[in-house]
């Protein structure tokens, strides 16, 4: 058998291997997330860069909750990005962050703002959206939650 025939035979064999799983996947319908354990996954998300990162992170959470509504999220804001947790803050799309935050909070997402950042930037905690609570230090809060088994995510 010449090399060209061997390649055709190999290609036909590989194509046959790929067709069956693809056909089965199409028959099974859309993919849904299934946690490894019976307990919901717990994720702490760090938002510290800017408003664009905050928007992307919140959209990521929305998408994940569509797949697995039982997942638990805590969003910790600090640094320059803490402004997404302030009343009147606008996402890069022009939408008010308060609407996105309110919708996520209704699904159980918690929002925590770093008191150190608020103090440094001279922002009174009264300017935070109603859904946000303060923690003494954002980085400490993330580390504390990780020590309790929470997964860490930074968009």
C-alpha atoms as a PDB file:
ATOM      1  CA  UNK A   1       0.000   0.000   0.000  1.00  0.00           C
ATOM      2  CA  UNK A   2       1.439   3.378  -0.935  1.00  0.00           C
ATOM      3  CA  UNK A   3       1.657   6.279   1.564  1.00  0.00           C
ATOM      4  CA  UNK A   4      -1.203   8.183  -0.079  1.00  0.00           C
ATOM      5  CA  UNK A   5      -3.560   5.190   0.333  1.00  0.00           C
ATOM      6  CA  UNK A   6      -2.494   4.810   3.971  1.00  0.00           C
ATOM      7  CA  UNK A   7      -3.384   8.464   4.648  1.00  0.00           C
ATOM      8  CA  UNK A   8      -6.804   7.996   3.015  1.00  0.00           C
ATOM      9  CA  UNK A   9      -7.443   4.896   5.112  1.00  0.00           C
ATOM     10  CA  UNK A  10      -6.308   6.654   8.293  1.00  0.00           C
ATOM     11  CA  UNK A  11      -8.456   9.696   7.475  1.00  0.00           C
ATOM     12  CA  UNK A  12     -11.502   7.513   6.845  1.00  0.00           C
ATOM     13  CA  UNK A  13     -10.945   5.700  10.154  1.00  0.00           C
ATOM     14  CA  UNK A  14     -10.599   8.935  12.115  1.00  0.00           C
ATOM     15  CA  UNK A  15     -13.666  10.406  10.438  1.00  0.00           C
ATOM     16  CA  UNK A  16     -15.635   7.331  11.435  1.00  0.00           C
ATOM     17  CA  UNK A  17     -14.517   7.687  15.031  1.00  0.00           C
ATOM     18  CA  UNK A  18     -15.687  11.291  15.191  1.00  0.00           C
ATOM     19  CA  UNK A  19     -19.086  10.756  13.580  1.00  0.00           C
ATOM     20  CA  UNK A  20     -20.611   8.478  16.220  1.00  0.00           C
ATOM     21  CA  UNK A  21     -19.945  10.714  19.256  1.00  0.00           C
ATOM     22  CA  UNK A  22     -21.147  13.762  17.313  1.00  0.00           C
ATOM     23  CA  UNK A  23     -24.368  11.994  16.320  1.00  0.00           C
ATOM     24  CA  UNK A  24     -24.958  10.898  19.932  1.00  0.00           C
ATOM     25  CA  UNK A  25     -24.310  14.441  21.205  1.00  0.00           C
ATOM     26  CA  UNK A  26     -26.809  15.875  18.730  1.00  0.00           C
ATOM     27  CA  UNK A  27     -29.427  13.337  19.819  1.00  0.00           C
ATOM     28  CA  UNK A  28     -28.923  14.180  23.510  1.00  0.00           C
ATOM     29  CA  UNK A  29     -29.744  17.875  23.107  1.00  0.00           C
ATOM     30  CA  UNK A  30     -28.187  20.886  24.853  1.00  0.00           C
ATOM     31  CA  UNK A  31     -25.469  20.507  27.437  1.00  0.00           C
ATOM     32  CA  UNK A  32     -26.380  21.263  31.041  1.00  0.00           C
ATOM     33  CA  UNK A  33     -23.932  21.664  33.890  1.00  0.00           C
ATOM     34  CA  UNK A  34     -23.946  19.020  36.593  1.00  0.00           C
ATOM     35  CA  UNK A  35     -21.914  19.602  39.749  1.00  0.00           C
ATOM     36  CA  UNK A  36     -19.579  16.824  40.814  1.00  0.00           C
ATOM     37  CA  UNK A  37     -21.061  16.789  44.304  1.00  0.00           C
ATOM     38  CA  UNK A  38     -24.602  17.263  45.544  1.00  0.00           C
ATOM     39  CA  UNK A  39     -23.562  20.539  47.190  1.00  0.00           C
ATOM     40  CA  UNK A  40     -23.706  23.698  45.058  1.00  0.00           C
ATOM     41  CA  UNK A  41     -20.386  25.095  43.923  1.00  0.00           C
ATOM     42  CA  UNK A  42     -19.318  28.274  45.717  1.00  0.00           C
ATOM     43  CA  UNK A  43     -17.351  30.901  43.793  1.00  0.00           C
ATOM     44  CA  UNK A  44     -15.758  34.133  44.947  1.00  0.00           C
ATOM     45  CA  UNK A  45     -15.137  36.604  42.120  1.00  0.00           C
ATOM     46  CA  UNK A  46     -12.555  39.368  42.386  1.00  0.00           C
ATOM     47  CA  UNK A  47     -13.435  42.658  40.674  1.00  0.00           C
ATOM     48  CA  UNK A  48     -10.570  45.108  41.095  1.00  0.00           C
ATOM     49  CA  UNK A  49      -9.406  46.381  37.695  1.00  0.00           C
ATOM     50  CA  UNK A  50     -12.043  48.628  36.102  1.00  0.00           C
ATOM     51  CA  UNK A  51     -15.704  48.939  35.151  1.00  0.00           C
ATOM     52  CA  UNK A  52     -15.246  46.837  32.013  1.00  0.00           C
ATOM     53  CA  UNK A  53     -13.949  43.933  34.106  1.00  0.00           C
ATOM     54  CA  UNK A  54     -16.907  44.382  36.461  1.00  0.00           C
ATOM     55  CA  UNK A  55     -19.385  44.240  33.584  1.00  0.00           C
ATOM     56  CA  UNK A  56     -17.744  41.159  32.053  1.00  0.00           C
ATOM     57  CA  UNK A  57     -17.699  39.444  35.438  1.00  0.00           C
ATOM     58  CA  UNK A  58     -21.374  40.090  36.104  1.00  0.00           C
ATOM     59  CA  UNK A  59     -22.326  38.848  32.633  1.00  0.00           C
ATOM     60  CA  UNK A  60     -20.245  35.721  33.302  1.00  0.00           C
ATOM     61  CA  UNK A  61     -22.200  35.130  36.503  1.00  0.00           C
ATOM     62  CA  UNK A  62     -25.518  35.581  34.669  1.00  0.00           C
ATOM     63  CA  UNK A  63     -24.449  33.008  32.074  1.00  0.00           C
ATOM     64  CA  UNK A  64     -23.304  30.496  34.689  1.00  0.00           C
ATOM     65  CA  UNK A  65     -26.501  30.851  36.710  1.00  0.00           C
ATOM     66  CA  UNK A  66     -28.498  30.015  33.581  1.00  0.00           C
ATOM     67  CA  UNK A  67     -26.631  26.689  33.452  1.00  0.00           C
ATOM     68  CA  UNK A  68     -26.644  26.032  37.184  1.00  0.00           C
ATOM     69  CA  UNK A  69     -28.988  28.225  39.254  1.00  0.00           C
ATOM     70  CA  UNK A  70     -27.801  26.561  42.479  1.00  0.00           C
ATOM     71  CA  UNK A  71     -24.253  27.923  42.217  1.00  0.00           C
ATOM     72  CA  UNK A  72     -23.363  30.466  44.884  1.00  0.00           C
ATOM     73  CA  UNK A  73     -21.393  33.627  44.121  1.00  0.00           C
ATOM     74  CA  UNK A  74     -19.789  36.311  46.240  1.00  0.00           C
ATOM     75  CA  UNK A  75     -18.448  39.284  44.274  1.00  0.00           C
ATOM     76  CA  UNK A  76     -15.721  41.235  46.059  1.00  0.00           C
ATOM     77  CA  UNK A  77     -15.038  44.734  44.746  1.00  0.00           C
ATOM     78  CA  UNK A  78     -11.972  46.782  45.565  1.00  0.00           C
ATOM     79  CA  UNK A  79      -9.403  49.035  43.915  1.00  0.00           C
ATOM     80  CA  UNK A  80     -10.428  51.154  40.922  1.00  0.00           C
ATOM     81  CA  UNK A  81     -13.306  48.821  40.074  1.00  0.00           C
ATOM     82  CA  UNK A  82     -15.140  49.437  43.341  1.00  0.00           C
ATOM     83  CA  UNK A  83     -17.043  52.197  41.548  1.00  0.00           C
ATOM     84  CA  UNK A  84     -19.330  49.582  39.956  1.00  0.00           C
ATOM     85  CA  UNK A  85     -20.874  49.153  43.417  1.00  0.00           C
ATOM     86  CA  UNK A  86     -21.773  52.832  43.712  1.00  0.00           C
ATOM     87  CA  UNK A  87     -25.229  54.291  43.124  1.00  0.00           C
ATOM     88  CA  UNK A  88     -25.489  55.680  39.599  1.00  0.00           C
ATOM     89  CA  UNK A  89     -22.524  53.724  38.173  1.00  0.00           C
ATOM     90  CA  UNK A  90     -22.869  52.876  34.482  1.00  0.00           C
ATOM     91  CA  UNK A  91     -21.563  49.816  32.653  1.00  0.00           C
ATOM     92  CA  UNK A  92     -19.605  50.314  29.401  1.00  0.00           C
ATOM     93  CA  UNK A  93     -22.890  49.598  27.578  1.00  0.00           C
ATOM     94  CA  UNK A  94     -24.552  52.546  29.308  1.00  0.00           C
ATOM     95  CA  UNK A  95     -26.775  50.340  31.459  1.00  0.00           C
ATOM     96  CA  UNK A  96     -26.914  51.069  35.173  1.00  0.00           C
ATOM     97  CA  UNK A  97     -24.904  48.592  37.230  1.00  0.00           C
ATOM     98  CA  UNK A  98     -27.613  48.768  39.900  1.00  0.00           C
ATOM     99  CA  UNK A  99     -30.037  46.918  37.600  1.00  0.00           C
ATOM    100  CA  UNK A 100     -27.607  44.094  36.888  1.00  0.00           C
ATOM    101  CA  UNK A 101     -26.595  43.897  40.546  1.00  0.00           C
ATOM    102  CA  UNK A 102     -30.236  43.850  41.688  1.00  0.00           C
ATOM    103  CA  UNK A 103     -31.126  41.047  39.290  1.00  0.00           C
ATOM    104  CA  UNK A 104     -28.140  38.962  40.415  1.00  0.00           C
ATOM    105  CA  UNK A 105     -28.824  39.648  44.099  1.00  0.00           C
ATOM    106  CA  UNK A 106     -32.352  38.312  43.542  1.00  0.00           C
ATOM    107  CA  UNK A 107     -30.680  35.071  42.434  1.00  0.00           C
ATOM    108  CA  UNK A 108     -28.604  34.910  45.629  1.00  0.00           C
ATOM    109  CA  UNK A 109     -25.397  36.620  44.488  1.00  0.00           C
ATOM    110  CA  UNK A 110     -23.737  38.590  47.295  1.00  0.00           C
ATOM    111  CA  UNK A 111     -21.754  41.785  46.769  1.00  0.00           C
ATOM    112  CA  UNK A 112     -19.016  42.925  49.137  1.00  0.00           C
ATOM    113  CA  UNK A 113     -17.087  46.196  49.009  1.00  0.00           C
ATOM    114  CA  UNK A 114     -13.645  46.757  50.493  1.00  0.00           C
ATOM    115  CA  UNK A 115     -13.762  49.301  53.317  1.00  0.00           C
ATOM    116  CA  UNK A 116     -10.027  50.003  52.889  1.00  0.00           C
ATOM    117  CA  UNK A 117     -10.646  51.096  49.290  1.00  0.00           C
ATOM    118  CA  UNK A 118     -13.659  53.201  50.235  1.00  0.00           C
ATOM    119  CA  UNK A 119     -11.613  54.940  52.937  1.00  0.00           C
ATOM    120  CA  UNK A 120      -8.630  55.494  50.622  1.00  0.00           C
ATOM    121  CA  UNK A 121     -10.848  56.947  47.871  1.00  0.00           C
ATOM    122  CA  UNK A 122     -12.870  58.962  50.433  1.00  0.00           C
ATOM    123  CA  UNK A 123     -16.147  57.340  49.360  1.00  0.00           C
ATOM    124  CA  UNK A 124     -18.762  57.076  52.114  1.00  0.00           C
ATOM    125  CA  UNK A 125     -20.365  53.646  52.381  1.00  0.00           C
ATOM    126  CA  UNK A 126     -23.732  55.380  52.017  1.00  0.00           C
ATOM    127  CA  UNK A 127     -22.936  55.691  48.276  1.00  0.00           C
ATOM    128  CA  UNK A 128     -22.962  51.905  47.835  1.00  0.00           C
ATOM    129  CA  UNK A 129     -25.898  50.191  46.169  1.00  0.00           C
ATOM    130  CA  UNK A 130     -28.296  48.605  48.673  1.00  0.00           C
ATOM    131  CA  UNK A 131     -27.173  45.068  47.779  1.00  0.00           C
ATOM    132  CA  UNK A 132     -23.537  45.701  48.757  1.00  0.00           C
ATOM    133  CA  UNK A 133     -22.124  45.172  52.220  1.00  0.00           C
ATOM    134  CA  UNK A 134     -18.698  46.253  53.386  1.00  0.00           C
ATOM    135  CA  UNK A 135     -15.843  44.037  54.500  1.00  0.00           C
ATOM    136  CA  UNK A 136     -12.703  45.375  56.206  1.00  0.00           C
ATOM    137  CA  UNK A 137     -10.393  44.335  53.330  1.00  0.00           C
ATOM    138  CA  UNK A 138     -11.312  42.884  49.931  1.00  0.00           C
ATOM    139  CA  UNK A 139      -8.177  40.772  49.507  1.00  0.00           C
ATOM    140  CA  UNK A 140      -8.597  39.354  53.002  1.00  0.00           C
ATOM    141  CA  UNK A 141     -12.229  38.458  52.231  1.00  0.00           C
ATOM    142  CA  UNK A 142     -11.182  36.554  49.106  1.00  0.00           C
ATOM    143  CA  UNK A 143      -8.482  34.655  50.999  1.00  0.00           C
ATOM    144  CA  UNK A 144     -10.891  33.880  53.835  1.00  0.00           C
ATOM    145  CA  UNK A 145     -13.499  32.460  51.472  1.00  0.00           C
ATOM    146  CA  UNK A 146     -10.884  30.397  49.631  1.00  0.00           C
ATOM    147  CA  UNK A 147      -9.771  28.931  52.959  1.00  0.00           C
ATOM    148  CA  UNK A 148     -13.389  27.799  53.422  1.00  0.00           C
ATOM    149  CA  UNK A 149     -13.368  25.958  50.091  1.00  0.00           C
ATOM    150  CA  UNK A 150     -14.709  28.628  47.748  1.00  0.00           C
ATOM    151  CA  UNK A 151     -13.380  28.607  44.182  1.00  0.00           C
ATOM    152  CA  UNK A 152     -11.589  31.781  43.060  1.00  0.00           C
ATOM    153  CA  UNK A 153     -12.406  33.536  39.791  1.00  0.00           C
ATOM    154  CA  UNK A 154     -11.111  36.758  38.264  1.00  0.00           C
ATOM    155  CA  UNK A 155     -12.626  37.713  34.902  1.00  0.00           C
END
